[in-house]
Protein backbone atom coordinates (compact mmCIF):
# COMPACT_ATOMS: atom_id res chain seq x y z
CA MET A 1 96.51 100.04 113.48
CA ILE A 2 98.83 102.87 114.88
CA VAL A 3 101.73 103.89 112.87
CA TYR A 4 104.21 106.20 114.25
CA PHE A 5 105.97 108.30 111.31
CA ILE A 6 109.86 109.34 112.75
CA ARG A 7 112.01 112.03 110.60
CA HIS A 8 115.08 110.59 110.39
CA GLY A 9 118.08 112.04 113.17
CA GLU A 10 120.44 115.08 112.22
CA THR A 11 123.11 114.84 109.41
CA ASP A 12 125.89 117.22 108.25
CA PHE A 13 123.89 118.31 105.21
CA ASN A 14 121.01 119.51 107.62
CA LYS A 15 123.67 121.21 109.38
CA ARG A 16 124.91 122.84 106.43
CA CYS A 17 121.28 123.64 105.40
CA LEU A 18 121.91 121.67 101.79
CA ILE A 19 119.01 119.94 100.07
CA GLN A 20 119.68 116.31 100.56
CA GLY A 21 117.14 114.35 98.54
CA MET A 22 118.11 110.94 97.21
CA SER A 23 121.81 111.56 98.47
CA ASP A 24 122.61 108.80 101.11
CA ILE A 25 123.95 111.22 103.89
CA PRO A 26 124.43 109.23 107.32
CA LEU A 27 123.81 110.63 110.32
CA ASN A 28 126.49 112.34 112.40
CA ASP A 29 126.48 112.03 115.84
CA LYS A 30 124.47 114.76 117.13
CA GLY A 31 121.95 112.81 114.95
CA ILE A 32 122.86 109.18 116.59
CA GLN A 33 122.23 110.76 119.69
CA GLN A 34 118.54 112.82 118.98
CA ALA A 35 117.68 108.42 117.57
CA GLY A 36 118.50 107.29 121.07
CA ILE A 37 116.75 109.92 122.71
CA ALA A 38 113.55 109.26 120.79
CA ALA A 39 113.77 106.00 121.32
CA GLU A 40 114.06 106.27 125.27
CA TRP A 41 110.45 108.67 124.37
CA PHE A 42 109.29 105.77 123.31
CA GLU A 43 110.33 103.07 125.95
CA LYS A 44 109.05 105.14 128.72
CA GLN A 45 105.44 104.89 126.93
CA ASN A 46 105.85 101.29 126.72
CA ILE A 47 105.29 101.89 122.86
CA THR A 48 106.95 98.79 120.62
CA PHE A 49 106.41 97.76 117.59
CA ASP A 50 105.35 94.90 115.47
CA ARG A 51 106.73 96.21 112.22
CA VAL A 52 109.58 98.66 111.41
CA PHE A 53 109.67 100.39 107.97
CA ALA A 54 112.26 102.80 107.01
CA SER A 55 112.95 104.88 103.78
CA PRO A 56 116.36 102.64 102.07
CA LEU A 57 118.53 105.87 102.62
CA VAL A 58 120.92 104.79 105.53
CA ARG A 59 120.09 108.08 107.41
CA ALA A 60 116.42 106.59 107.83
CA ARG A 61 117.00 102.95 108.38
CA LYS A 62 119.85 104.00 111.20
CA THR A 63 117.39 106.08 112.76
CA ALA A 64 114.67 103.06 112.59
CA ALA A 65 117.21 100.66 113.89
CA ILE A 66 118.05 102.79 116.93
CA VAL A 67 114.56 103.76 117.80
CA SER A 68 112.98 100.29 117.30
CA GLY A 69 116.16 98.53 118.82
CA ARG A 70 116.50 96.23 115.87
CA THR A 71 119.46 95.54 114.03
CA PHE A 72 119.50 97.69 110.63
CA GLU A 73 119.16 94.91 108.50
CA GLU A 74 115.98 93.66 110.29
CA VAL A 75 114.37 96.85 109.47
CA GLN A 76 112.53 96.59 106.08
CA PRO A 77 113.28 99.62 103.60
CA ASP A 78 110.71 100.58 101.54
CA ALA A 79 111.05 103.20 98.45
CA ARG A 80 108.01 104.50 98.96
CA ILE A 81 109.13 106.70 101.83
CA ARG A 82 112.41 107.84 100.98
CA GLU A 83 113.13 111.40 100.21
CA MET A 84 112.15 113.54 97.35
CA ASP A 85 114.11 113.43 94.59
CA PHE A 86 115.14 116.68 93.90
CA GLY A 87 117.66 116.43 91.07
CA VAL A 88 120.65 118.61 90.42
CA ASP A 89 119.49 120.69 92.88
CA GLU A 90 120.64 117.83 95.52
CA GLY A 91 123.79 119.77 97.78
CA LYS A 92 122.76 123.18 96.78
CA PRO A 93 121.60 125.40 99.67
CA TYR A 94 118.20 125.45 100.46
CA SER A 95 117.98 129.77 99.70
CA LEU A 96 118.86 128.32 96.43
CA ILE A 97 115.50 126.75 95.71
CA LYS A 98 113.17 128.78 97.44
CA ASP A 99 110.67 128.55 94.89
CA LEU A 100 109.56 124.56 96.30
CA PHE A 101 109.37 126.46 99.41
CA ASP A 102 107.90 129.73 98.90
CA ALA A 103 105.58 128.39 96.08
CA PRO A 104 105.09 124.94 96.24
CA GLU A 105 102.08 125.13 93.83
CA SER A 106 104.42 126.49 91.50
CA TYR A 107 107.22 124.38 91.27
CA ILE A 108 108.60 122.81 88.38
CA PRO A 109 111.59 120.34 89.12
CA PRO A 110 114.18 120.27 87.25
CA GLU A 111 115.13 117.69 84.92
CA GLY A 112 114.89 114.01 86.43
CA ALA A 113 114.10 115.14 89.38
CA GLU A 114 109.88 114.13 91.19
CA SER A 115 106.95 116.86 91.33
CA ILE A 116 105.22 117.30 94.51
CA GLU A 117 102.29 115.35 93.02
CA GLU A 118 104.67 112.27 92.09
CA LEU A 119 105.80 112.53 95.46
CA GLN A 120 102.04 112.18 97.26
CA THR A 121 101.47 109.41 94.99
CA ARG A 122 104.03 107.17 96.28
CA ALA A 123 103.16 108.33 99.70
CA GLN A 124 99.23 107.24 99.61
CA LYS A 125 100.80 103.49 98.16
CA PHE A 126 102.66 103.19 100.96
CA LEU A 127 99.56 104.46 103.26
CA ASP A 128 97.41 101.71 101.27
CA MET A 129 99.78 99.54 101.69
CA LEU A 130 99.47 99.50 105.62
CA SER A 131 95.76 99.89 105.15
CA GLU A 132 95.90 96.10 103.62
CA MET A 133 97.97 95.20 106.19
CA ALA A 134 96.10 96.17 108.83
CA ALA A 135 93.05 94.15 107.35
CA SER A 136 95.20 90.91 106.62
CA ASP A 137 97.25 90.71 109.63
CA GLU A 138 95.56 91.05 112.82
CA SER A 139 99.08 90.46 114.70
CA VAL A 140 100.21 93.89 113.32
CA HIS A 141 98.77 96.39 115.94
CA THR A 142 101.85 99.15 115.77
CA VAL A 143 104.42 100.55 113.05
CA LEU A 144 107.12 102.69 112.91
CA ALA A 145 108.22 104.38 109.98
CA ALA A 146 111.33 106.19 109.47
CA SER A 147 111.39 108.62 106.41
CA HIS A 148 112.08 112.06 105.51
CA GLY A 149 110.70 115.81 105.80
CA ALA A 150 109.69 116.26 102.26
CA ALA A 151 108.19 112.75 101.99
CA LEU A 152 106.32 112.88 105.83
CA ARG A 153 105.08 116.33 104.03
CA GLY A 154 103.56 114.12 101.45
CA ILE A 155 101.91 111.55 104.25
CA MET A 156 100.60 114.17 105.76
CA SER A 157 99.03 115.85 102.91
CA CYS A 158 97.31 112.73 101.88
CA ILE A 159 95.80 112.52 104.89
CA ASN A 160 95.16 115.80 105.52
CA HIS A 161 93.68 116.38 102.01
CA CYS A 162 95.49 119.80 102.24
CA GLU A 163 96.36 121.93 99.05
CA LEU A 164 100.00 122.34 97.69
CA LYS A 165 100.43 125.75 98.77
CA ASP A 166 100.69 124.54 102.54
CA PHE A 167 102.51 122.07 101.61
CA TRP A 168 105.37 122.83 103.89
CA ARG A 169 103.26 124.77 106.61
CA SER A 170 104.11 121.79 109.45
CA GLY A 171 107.70 122.34 111.24
CA LEU A 172 109.38 119.14 111.48
CA SER A 173 112.64 118.88 113.22
CA ASN A 174 115.23 115.84 113.25
CA CYS A 175 113.27 112.82 114.82
CA CYS A 176 109.93 114.42 115.12
CA VAL A 177 107.28 111.92 115.62
CA TYR A 178 104.15 111.75 113.61
CA LYS A 179 101.72 109.26 114.78
CA ILE A 180 98.24 108.16 112.74
CA HIS A 181 95.72 105.56 113.06
CA LEU A 182 93.37 103.90 111.25
CA GLU A 183 89.96 104.44 112.16
CA ASN A 184 86.80 102.31 109.72
CA ASN A 185 89.40 102.00 106.78
CA VAL A 186 90.34 105.92 107.40
CA TRP A 187 93.61 106.99 108.33
CA VAL A 188 93.05 109.72 111.20
CA GLU A 189 95.66 112.30 112.14
CA ASP A 190 96.62 112.10 116.14
CA GLY A 191 99.16 114.66 116.38
CA LEU A 192 102.88 115.99 115.65
CA MET A 193 105.51 115.15 119.02
CA HIS A 194 108.87 116.55 119.00
CA PRO A 195 110.72 113.89 121.36
CA ILE A 196 113.77 115.87 121.11
CA GLU A 197 112.53 119.40 121.88
CA GLU A 198 110.83 118.01 125.11
CA ALA A 199 114.24 116.23 126.07
CA GLU A 200 115.78 119.73 125.89
CA GLN A 201 112.93 121.51 127.94
CA PHE A 202 113.24 119.28 130.55
CA LYS A 203 116.86 119.26 130.76
CA SER A 204 116.68 123.03 130.95
CA GLY A 205 114.12 122.55 133.51
CA LYS A 206 116.17 120.45 135.49
CA THR A 207 119.10 122.85 135.29
CA LYS A 208 117.26 125.64 136.75
CA GLU A 209 116.30 123.96 139.59
CA ALA A 210 119.76 122.92 140.13
């Protein structure tokens, strides 16, 4: 089984550098365009999906629908890959919770919010579900799963077994793609790809040639 995780497209909270978490913020016009570019990126490689999952949050489900060419209703929501719950910190600028990013190993979530360890636990449960699916359903070869910045880092940390202090080490831009595959019942990382940046670089190169 091959799984392509994709971060959702841009939202107005992303643009304003505000913590989103469980706030159900939709894609903005740029985010919709980014998802379309990602869809073209997969299409050029002749990649299609047997199953499509997404966080229940609208920004992720909409991204999955655009990228996969399916309807919003055909995308299967899964709460295990929803964004980290930041509680009362949601809607605040990133700069006001610097401790989360500067020292994740020491982060103490506010009341009602989620710890990084709790996020990792549900991320692992999603990976376990995919492993069980691979073992029980031979018709499922390629999966798309649309998620979020912190949630994807939870997935990555489960696969790489990284320490909490390294939780934020990977830069995850909107609509970046994280590819993994199952090998001898172990999830193996194939790499992090950036369709939007690739498209911008290609466009820039074409402009210079003109």
